[in-house]
PDB file of N, CA and C in Angstrom:
ATOM      1  N   MET A   1      72.726  64.615 -77.919  1.00  0.00           N
ATOM      2  CA  MET A   1      72.306  63.281 -77.560  1.00  0.00           C
ATOM      3  C   MET A   1      70.870  63.320 -77.039  1.00  0.00           C
ATOM      4  N   LYS A   2      70.103  62.310 -77.370  1.00  0.00           N
ATOM      5  CA  LYS A   2      68.720  62.254 -76.904  1.00  0.00           C
ATOM      6  C   LYS A   2      68.670  61.843 -75.438  1.00  0.00           C
ATOM      7  N   LYS A   3      67.784  62.462 -74.703  1.00  0.00           N
ATOM      8  CA  LYS A   3      67.594  62.101 -73.306  1.00  0.00           C
ATOM      9  C   LYS A   3      66.735  60.849 -73.221  1.00  0.00           C
ATOM     10  N   GLU A   4      66.956  60.066 -72.143  1.00  0.00           N
ATOM     11  CA  GLU A   4      66.183  58.846 -71.867  1.00  0.00           C
ATOM     12  C   GLU A   4      66.360  57.772 -72.936  1.00  0.00           C
ATOM     13  N   LEU A   5      67.423  57.848 -73.721  1.00  0.00           N
ATOM     14  CA  LEU A   5      67.669  56.846 -74.751  1.00  0.00           C
ATOM     15  C   LEU A   5      68.443  55.648 -74.183  1.00  0.00           C
ATOM     16  N   HIS A   6      69.410  55.947 -73.341  1.00  0.00           N
ATOM     17  CA  HIS A   6      70.257  54.899 -72.798  1.00  0.00           C
ATOM     18  C   HIS A   6      69.700  54.382 -71.468  1.00  0.00           C
ATOM     19  N   PRO A   7      69.882  53.095 -71.209  1.00  0.00           N
ATOM     20  CA  PRO A   7      69.381  52.547 -69.931  1.00  0.00           C
ATOM     21  C   PRO A   7      70.218  53.048 -68.756  1.00  0.00           C
ATOM     22  N   LYS A   8      69.646  52.984 -67.575  1.00  0.00           N
ATOM     23  CA  LYS A   8      70.341  53.400 -66.350  1.00  0.00           C
ATOM     24  C   LYS A   8      71.452  52.396 -66.043  1.00  0.00           C
ATOM     25  N   TYR A   9      72.595  52.907 -65.688  1.00  0.00           N
ATOM     26  CA  TYR A   9      73.764  52.089 -65.351  1.00  0.00           C
ATOM     27  C   TYR A   9      73.981  52.207 -63.852  1.00  0.00           C
ATOM     28  N   ASN A  10      73.491  51.224 -63.100  1.00  0.00           N
ATOM     29  CA  ASN A  10      73.485  51.280 -61.640  1.00  0.00           C
ATOM     30  C   ASN A  10      74.502  50.334 -61.027  1.00  0.00           C
ATOM     31  N   GLU A  11      74.816  50.590 -59.772  1.00  0.00           N
ATOM     32  CA  GLU A  11      75.650  49.669 -59.009  1.00  0.00           C
ATOM     33  C   GLU A  11      74.734  48.591 -58.441  1.00  0.00           C
ATOM     34  N   VAL A  12      75.040  47.310 -58.757  1.00  0.00           N
ATOM     35  CA  VAL A  12      74.195  46.191 -58.325  1.00  0.00           C
ATOM     36  C   VAL A  12      75.034  45.176 -57.569  1.00  0.00           C
ATOM     37  N   GLU A  13      74.357  44.314 -56.825  1.00  0.00           N
ATOM     38  CA  GLU A  13      75.022  43.266 -56.066  1.00  0.00           C
ATOM     39  C   GLU A  13      74.888  41.937 -56.821  1.00  0.00           C
ATOM     40  N   VAL A  14      76.011  41.281 -57.011  1.00  0.00           N
ATOM     41  CA  VAL A  14      76.036  39.969 -57.650  1.00  0.00           C
ATOM     42  C   VAL A  14      76.066  38.939 -56.540  1.00  0.00           C
ATOM     43  N   SER A  15      75.139  37.978 -56.582  1.00  0.00           N
ATOM     44  CA  SER A  15      75.117  36.933 -55.560  1.00  0.00           C
ATOM     45  C   SER A  15      75.331  35.573 -56.216  1.00  0.00           C
ATOM     46  N   CYS A  16      76.235  34.812 -55.621  1.00  0.00           N
ATOM     47  CA  CYS A  16      76.592  33.489 -56.135  1.00  0.00           C
ATOM     48  C   CYS A  16      75.831  32.421 -55.352  1.00  0.00           C
ATOM     49  N   ALA A  17      75.728  31.231 -55.936  1.00  0.00           N
ATOM     50  CA  ALA A  17      75.062  30.114 -55.272  1.00  0.00           C
ATOM     51  C   ALA A  17      75.832  29.670 -54.021  1.00  0.00           C
ATOM     52  N   CYS A  18      77.136  29.931 -53.980  1.00  0.00           N
ATOM     53  CA  CYS A  18      77.942  29.540 -52.813  1.00  0.00           C
ATOM     54  C   CYS A  18      77.764  30.505 -51.640  1.00  0.00           C
ATOM     55  N   GLY A  19      77.099  31.649 -51.876  1.00  0.00           N
ATOM     56  CA  GLY A  19      76.874  32.614 -50.819  1.00  0.00           C
ATOM     57  C   GLY A  19      77.747  33.855 -50.925  1.00  0.00           C
ATOM     58  N   ASN A  20      78.713  33.841 -51.815  1.00  0.00           N
ATOM     59  CA  ASN A  20      79.589  34.994 -52.008  1.00  0.00           C
ATOM     60  C   ASN A  20      78.817  36.120 -52.685  1.00  0.00           C
ATOM     61  N   LYS A  21      79.065  37.359 -52.251  1.00  0.00           N
ATOM     62  CA  LYS A  21      78.408  38.524 -52.838  1.00  0.00           C
ATOM     63  C   LYS A  21      79.444  39.603 -53.102  1.00  0.00           C
ATOM     64  N   PHE A  22      79.300  40.301 -54.224  1.00  0.00           N
ATOM     65  CA  PHE A  22      80.153  41.436 -54.544  1.00  0.00           C
ATOM     66  C   PHE A  22      79.359  42.407 -55.398  1.00  0.00           C
ATOM     67  N   THR A  23      79.856  43.620 -55.502  1.00  0.00           N
ATOM     68  CA  THR A  23      79.139  44.648 -56.249  1.00  0.00           C
ATOM     69  C   THR A  23      79.846  44.949 -57.559  1.00  0.00           C
ATOM     70  N   THR A  24      79.050  45.318 -58.542  1.00  0.00           N
ATOM     71  CA  THR A  24      79.545  45.722 -59.853  1.00  0.00           C
ATOM     72  C   THR A  24      78.530  46.685 -60.443  1.00  0.00           C
ATOM     73  N   LYS A  25      78.759  47.127 -61.642  1.00  0.00           N
ATOM     74  CA  LYS A  25      77.812  48.017 -62.307  1.00  0.00           C
ATOM     75  C   LYS A  25      77.186  47.288 -63.483  1.00  0.00           C
ATOM     76  N   SER A  26      75.885  47.515 -63.661  1.00  0.00           N
ATOM     77  CA  SER A  26      75.150  46.848 -64.720  1.00  0.00           C
ATOM     78  C   SER A  26      73.855  47.592 -64.993  1.00  0.00           C
ATOM     79  N   THR A  27      73.232  47.255 -66.115  1.00  0.00           N
ATOM     80  CA  THR A  27      71.913  47.815 -66.417  1.00  0.00           C
ATOM     81  C   THR A  27      70.809  46.973 -65.793  1.00  0.00           C
ATOM     82  N   ASN A  28      71.149  45.774 -65.307  1.00  0.00           N
ATOM     83  CA  ASN A  28      70.179  44.918 -64.622  1.00  0.00           C
ATOM     84  C   ASN A  28      70.016  45.375 -63.179  1.00  0.00           C
ATOM     85  N   ASN A  29      68.915  44.998 -62.550  1.00  0.00           N
ATOM     86  CA  ASN A  29      68.683  45.353 -61.153  1.00  0.00           C
ATOM     87  C   ASN A  29      69.398  44.424 -60.191  1.00  0.00           C
ATOM     88  N   GLU A  30      69.483  43.132 -60.540  1.00  0.00           N
ATOM     89  CA  GLU A  30      70.190  42.157 -59.721  1.00  0.00           C
ATOM     90  C   GLU A  30      70.782  41.089 -60.621  1.00  0.00           C
ATOM     91  N   ILE A  31      71.871  40.474 -60.165  1.00  0.00           N
ATOM     92  CA  ILE A  31      72.533  39.427 -60.936  1.00  0.00           C
ATOM     93  C   ILE A  31      72.756  38.238 -60.012  1.00  0.00           C
ATOM     94  N   LYS A  32      72.332  37.063 -60.455  1.00  0.00           N
ATOM     95  CA  LYS A  32      72.554  35.820 -59.710  1.00  0.00           C
ATOM     96  C   LYS A  32      73.361  34.881 -60.606  1.00  0.00           C
ATOM     97  N   VAL A  33      74.447  34.345 -60.062  1.00  0.00           N
ATOM     98  CA  VAL A  33      75.308  33.437 -60.807  1.00  0.00           C
ATOM     99  C   VAL A  33      75.451  32.118 -60.050  1.00  0.00           C
ATOM    100  N   GLU A  34      75.824  31.066 -60.769  1.00  0.00           N
ATOM    101  CA  GLU A  34      76.012  29.753 -60.156  1.00  0.00           C
ATOM    102  C   GLU A  34      77.442  29.554 -59.676  1.00  0.00           C
ATOM    103  N   ILE A  35      78.412  30.122 -60.404  1.00  0.00           N
ATOM    104  CA  ILE A  35      79.823  29.937 -60.072  1.00  0.00           C
ATOM    105  C   ILE A  35      80.513  31.291 -60.102  1.00  0.00           C
ATOM    106  N   CYS A  36      81.318  31.571 -59.087  1.00  0.00           N
ATOM    107  CA  CYS A  36      82.083  32.818 -59.039  1.00  0.00           C
ATOM    108  C   CYS A  36      83.557  32.479 -58.817  1.00  0.00           C
ATOM    109  N   SER A  37      84.383  33.496 -58.710  1.00  0.00           N
ATOM    110  CA  SER A  37      85.818  33.266 -58.519  1.00  0.00           C
ATOM    111  C   SER A  37      86.138  32.687 -57.148  1.00  0.00           C
ATOM    112  N   ALA A  38      85.223  32.789 -56.198  1.00  0.00           N
ATOM    113  CA  ALA A  38      85.467  32.242 -54.861  1.00  0.00           C
ATOM    114  C   ALA A  38      85.225  30.735 -54.796  1.00  0.00           C
ATOM    115  N   CYS A  39      84.402  30.200 -55.709  1.00  0.00           N
ATOM    116  CA  CYS A  39      84.085  28.768 -55.642  1.00  0.00           C
ATOM    117  C   CYS A  39      84.485  27.996 -56.907  1.00  0.00           C
ATOM    118  N   HIS A  40      84.970  28.663 -57.944  1.00  0.00           N
ATOM    119  CA  HIS A  40      85.358  27.966 -59.177  1.00  0.00           C
ATOM    120  C   HIS A  40      86.673  27.226 -58.957  1.00  0.00           C
ATOM    121  N   PRO A  41      86.763  25.952 -59.372  1.00  0.00           N
ATOM    122  CA  PRO A  41      87.972  25.154 -59.128  1.00  0.00           C
ATOM    123  C   PRO A  41      89.245  25.748 -59.728  1.00  0.00           C
ATOM    124  N   PHE A  42      89.152  26.441 -60.840  1.00  0.00           N
ATOM    125  CA  PHE A  42      90.345  27.028 -61.448  1.00  0.00           C
ATOM    126  C   PHE A  42      90.952  28.096 -60.552  1.00  0.00           C
ATOM    127  N   TYR A  43      90.118  28.921 -59.957  1.00  0.00           N
ATOM    128  CA  TYR A  43      90.600  30.018 -59.122  1.00  0.00           C
ATOM    129  C   TYR A  43      90.939  29.572 -57.707  1.00  0.00           C
ATOM    130  N   THR A  44      90.329  28.514 -57.214  1.00  0.00           N
ATOM    131  CA  THR A  44      90.599  28.054 -55.852  1.00  0.00           C
ATOM    132  C   THR A  44      91.796  27.107 -55.781  1.00  0.00           C
ATOM    133  N   GLY A  45      92.295  26.634 -56.926  1.00  0.00           N
ATOM    134  CA  GLY A  45      93.448  25.743 -56.947  1.00  0.00           C
ATOM    135  C   GLY A  45      93.077  24.280 -56.773  1.00  0.00           C
ATOM    136  N   LYS A  46      91.819  23.946 -56.858  1.00  0.00           N
ATOM    137  CA  LYS A  46      91.371  22.562 -56.691  1.00  0.00           C
ATOM    138  C   LYS A  46      91.052  21.898 -58.022  1.00  0.00           C
ATOM    139  N   GLN A  47      91.541  22.488 -59.113  1.00  0.00           N
ATOM    140  CA  GLN A  47      91.270  21.954 -60.441  1.00  0.00           C
ATOM    141  C   GLN A  47      92.057  20.672 -60.645  1.00  0.00           C
ATOM    142  N   LYS A  48      91.401  19.687 -61.222  1.00  0.00           N
ATOM    143  CA  LYS A  48      92.046  18.414 -61.500  1.00  0.00           C
ATOM    144  C   LYS A  48      92.506  18.401 -62.954  1.00  0.00           C
ATOM    145  N   SER A  49      93.713  17.943 -63.165  1.00  0.00           N
ATOM    146  CA  SER A  49      94.241  17.853 -64.515  1.00  0.00           C
ATOM    147  C   SER A  49      93.668  16.612 -65.185  1.00  0.00           C
ATOM    148  N   LEU A  50      93.121  16.798 -66.359  1.00  0.00           N
ATOM    149  CA  LEU A  50      92.521  15.680 -67.064  1.00  0.00           C
ATOM    150  C   LEU A  50      93.570  14.810 -67.735  1.00  0.00           C
ATOM    151  N   GLU A  51      94.625  15.416 -68.230  1.00  0.00           N
ATOM    152  CA  GLU A  51      95.634  14.662 -68.945  1.00  0.00           C
ATOM    153  C   GLU A  51      96.788  14.331 -68.009  1.00  0.00           C
ATOM    154  N   LYS A  52      97.058  13.057 -67.853  1.00  0.00           N
ATOM    155  CA  LYS A  52      98.159  12.614 -66.994  1.00  0.00           C
ATOM    156  C   LYS A  52      99.140  11.825 -67.846  1.00  0.00           C
ATOM    157  N   GLY A  53      99.978  12.511 -68.557  1.00  0.00           N
ATOM    158  CA  GLY A  53     100.949  11.864 -69.417  1.00  0.00           C
ATOM    159  C   GLY A  53     100.836  12.397 -70.831  1.00  0.00           C
ATOM    160  N   GLY A  54     101.792  12.002 -71.630  1.00  0.00           N
ATOM    161  CA  GLY A  54     101.822  12.472 -73.002  1.00  0.00           C
ATOM    162  C   GLY A  54     101.060  11.569 -73.938  1.00  0.00           C
ATOM    163  N   ARG A  55     101.246  11.823 -75.208  1.00  0.00           N
ATOM    164  CA  ARG A  55     100.533  11.066 -76.237  1.00  0.00           C
ATOM    165  C   ARG A  55     100.989   9.609 -76.293  1.00  0.00           C
ATOM    166  N   VAL A  56     102.288   9.393 -76.108  1.00  0.00           N
ATOM    167  CA  VAL A  56     102.824   8.031 -76.182  1.00  0.00           C
ATOM    168  C   VAL A  56     102.269   7.183 -75.045  1.00  0.00           C
ATOM    169  N   GLU A  57     102.242   7.741 -73.837  1.00  0.00           N
ATOM    170  CA  GLU A  57     101.708   6.999 -72.695  1.00  0.00           C
ATOM    171  C   GLU A  57     100.228   6.705 -72.875  1.00  0.00           C
ATOM    172  N   LYS A  58      99.534   7.670 -73.444  1.00  0.00           N
ATOM    173  CA  LYS A  58      98.108   7.489 -73.686  1.00  0.00           C
ATOM    174  C   LYS A  58      97.874   6.375 -74.717  1.00  0.00           C
ATOM    175  N   PHE A  59      98.701   6.343 -75.768  1.00  0.00           N
ATOM    176  CA  PHE A  59      98.591   5.304 -76.786  1.00  0.00           C
ATOM    177  C   PHE A  59      98.922   3.941 -76.197  1.00  0.00           C
ATOM    178  N   ASN A  60     100.011   3.868 -75.425  1.00  0.00           N
ATOM    179  CA  ASN A  60     100.398   2.593 -74.829  1.00  0.00           C
ATOM    180  C   ASN A  60      99.348   2.085 -73.855  1.00  0.00           C
ATOM    181  N   LYS A  61      98.725   2.994 -73.146  1.00  0.00           N
ATOM    182  CA  LYS A  61      97.677   2.591 -72.219  1.00  0.00           C
ATOM    183  C   LYS A  61      96.494   2.000 -72.966  1.00  0.00           C
ATOM    184  N   LYS A  62      96.204   2.591 -74.133  1.00  0.00           N
ATOM    185  CA  LYS A  62      95.042   2.150 -74.897  1.00  0.00           C
ATOM    186  C   LYS A  62      95.335   0.901 -75.736  1.00  0.00           C
ATOM    187  N   PHE A  63      96.501   0.872 -76.384  1.00  0.00           N
ATOM    188  CA  PHE A  63      96.790  -0.204 -77.317  1.00  0.00           C
ATOM    189  C   PHE A  63      97.995  -1.051 -76.945  1.00  0.00           C
ATOM    190  N   GLY A  64      98.695  -0.725 -75.883  1.00  0.00           N
ATOM    191  CA  GLY A  64      99.930  -1.413 -75.519  1.00  0.00           C
ATOM    192  C   GLY A  64      99.726  -2.881 -75.205  1.00  0.00           C
ATOM    193  N   VAL A  65      98.686  -3.228 -74.506  1.00  0.00           N
ATOM    194  CA  VAL A  65      98.419  -4.619 -74.123  1.00  0.00           C
ATOM    195  C   VAL A  65      98.130  -5.447 -75.364  1.00  0.00           C
ATOM    196  N   GLN A  66      97.394  -4.913 -76.278  1.00  0.00           N
ATOM    197  CA  GLN A  66      97.061  -5.636 -77.518  1.00  0.00           C
ATOM    198  C   GLN A  66      98.310  -5.848 -78.363  1.00  0.00           C
ATOM    199  N   ALA A  67      99.161  -4.842 -78.458  1.00  0.00           N
ATOM    200  CA  ALA A  67     100.372  -4.946 -79.260  1.00  0.00           C
ATOM    201  C   ALA A  67     101.329  -5.976 -78.667  1.00  0.00           C
ATOM    202  N   GLU A  68     101.461  -6.010 -77.348  1.00  0.00           N
ATOM    203  CA  GLU A  68     102.338  -6.976 -76.702  1.00  0.00           C
ATOM    204  C   GLU A  68     101.825  -8.396 -76.889  1.00  0.00           C
ATOM    205  N   ALA A  69     100.517  -8.606 -76.811  1.00  0.00           N
ATOM    206  CA  ALA A  69      99.938  -9.934 -76.990  1.00  0.00           C
ATOM    207  C   ALA A  69     100.171 -10.429 -78.411  1.00  0.00           C
ATOM    208  N   LYS A  70     100.010  -9.580 -79.405  1.00  0.00           N
ATOM    209  CA  LYS A  70     100.241  -9.973 -80.799  1.00  0.00           C
ATOM    210  C   LYS A  70     101.709 -10.266 -81.038  1.00  0.00           C
ATOM    211  N   LYS A  71     102.586  -9.520 -80.390  1.00  0.00           N
ATOM    212  CA  LYS A  71     104.027  -9.709 -80.548  1.00  0.00           C
ATOM    213  C   LYS A  71     104.442 -11.058 -79.969  1.00  0.00           C
ATOM    214  N   GLU A  72     103.896 -11.412 -78.811  1.00  0.00           N
ATOM    215  CA  GLU A  72     104.196 -12.696 -78.189  1.00  0.00           C
ATOM    216  C   GLU A  72     103.673 -13.860 -79.019  1.00  0.00           C
ATOM    217  N   GLU A  73     102.493 -13.715 -79.622  1.00  0.00           N
ATOM    218  CA  GLU A  73     101.917 -14.770 -80.476  1.00  0.00           C
ATOM    219  C   GLU A  73     102.775 -15.003 -81.703  1.00  0.00           C
ATOM    220  N   SER A  74     103.295 -13.937 -82.286  1.00  0.00           N
ATOM    221  CA  SER A  74     104.110 -14.083 -83.488  1.00  0.00           C
ATOM    222  C   SER A  74     105.481 -14.712 -83.155  1.00  0.00           C
ATOM    223  N   GLU A  75     106.001 -14.457 -81.961  1.00  0.00           N
ATOM    224  CA  GLU A  75     107.261 -15.053 -81.554  1.00  0.00           C
ATOM    225  C   GLU A  75     107.125 -16.537 -81.273  1.00  0.00           C
ATOM    226  N   GLU A  76     105.976 -16.952 -80.751  1.00  0.00           N
ATOM    227  CA  GLU A  76     105.743 -18.355 -80.436  1.00  0.00           C
ATOM    228  C   GLU A  76     105.585 -19.190 -81.690  1.00  0.00           C
ATOM    229  N   ALA A  77     105.047 -18.627 -82.718  1.00  0.00           N
ATOM    230  CA  ALA A  77     104.777 -19.386 -83.956  1.00  0.00           C
ATOM    231  C   ALA A  77     105.983 -19.596 -84.790  1.00  0.00           C
TER     232      ALA A  77
END
C-alpha cells in the first residue's frame, strides 16, 4: 500500500445548533450540524402526526359537504 495516500481518520467533536456535543471519527477537522438526536422531534417524542384519520375521513372532510348539499337539492326537486 502507498504511504500518505489515505486521509487521516481522526476523532472529532460534532457540535449541534442546540448546544449538544458528541465525538465521532471523521476525516474532517470539525463537524457542525443543525439537528441532532437530542433536538430532533422524531427522537424526542414531540413529533406531530400529519395524518389524522383514514382515506374515507379525508375524502368526507374534503368533499362531504358538497355531496350532502347536492343530495338535499335532488331530494327537494
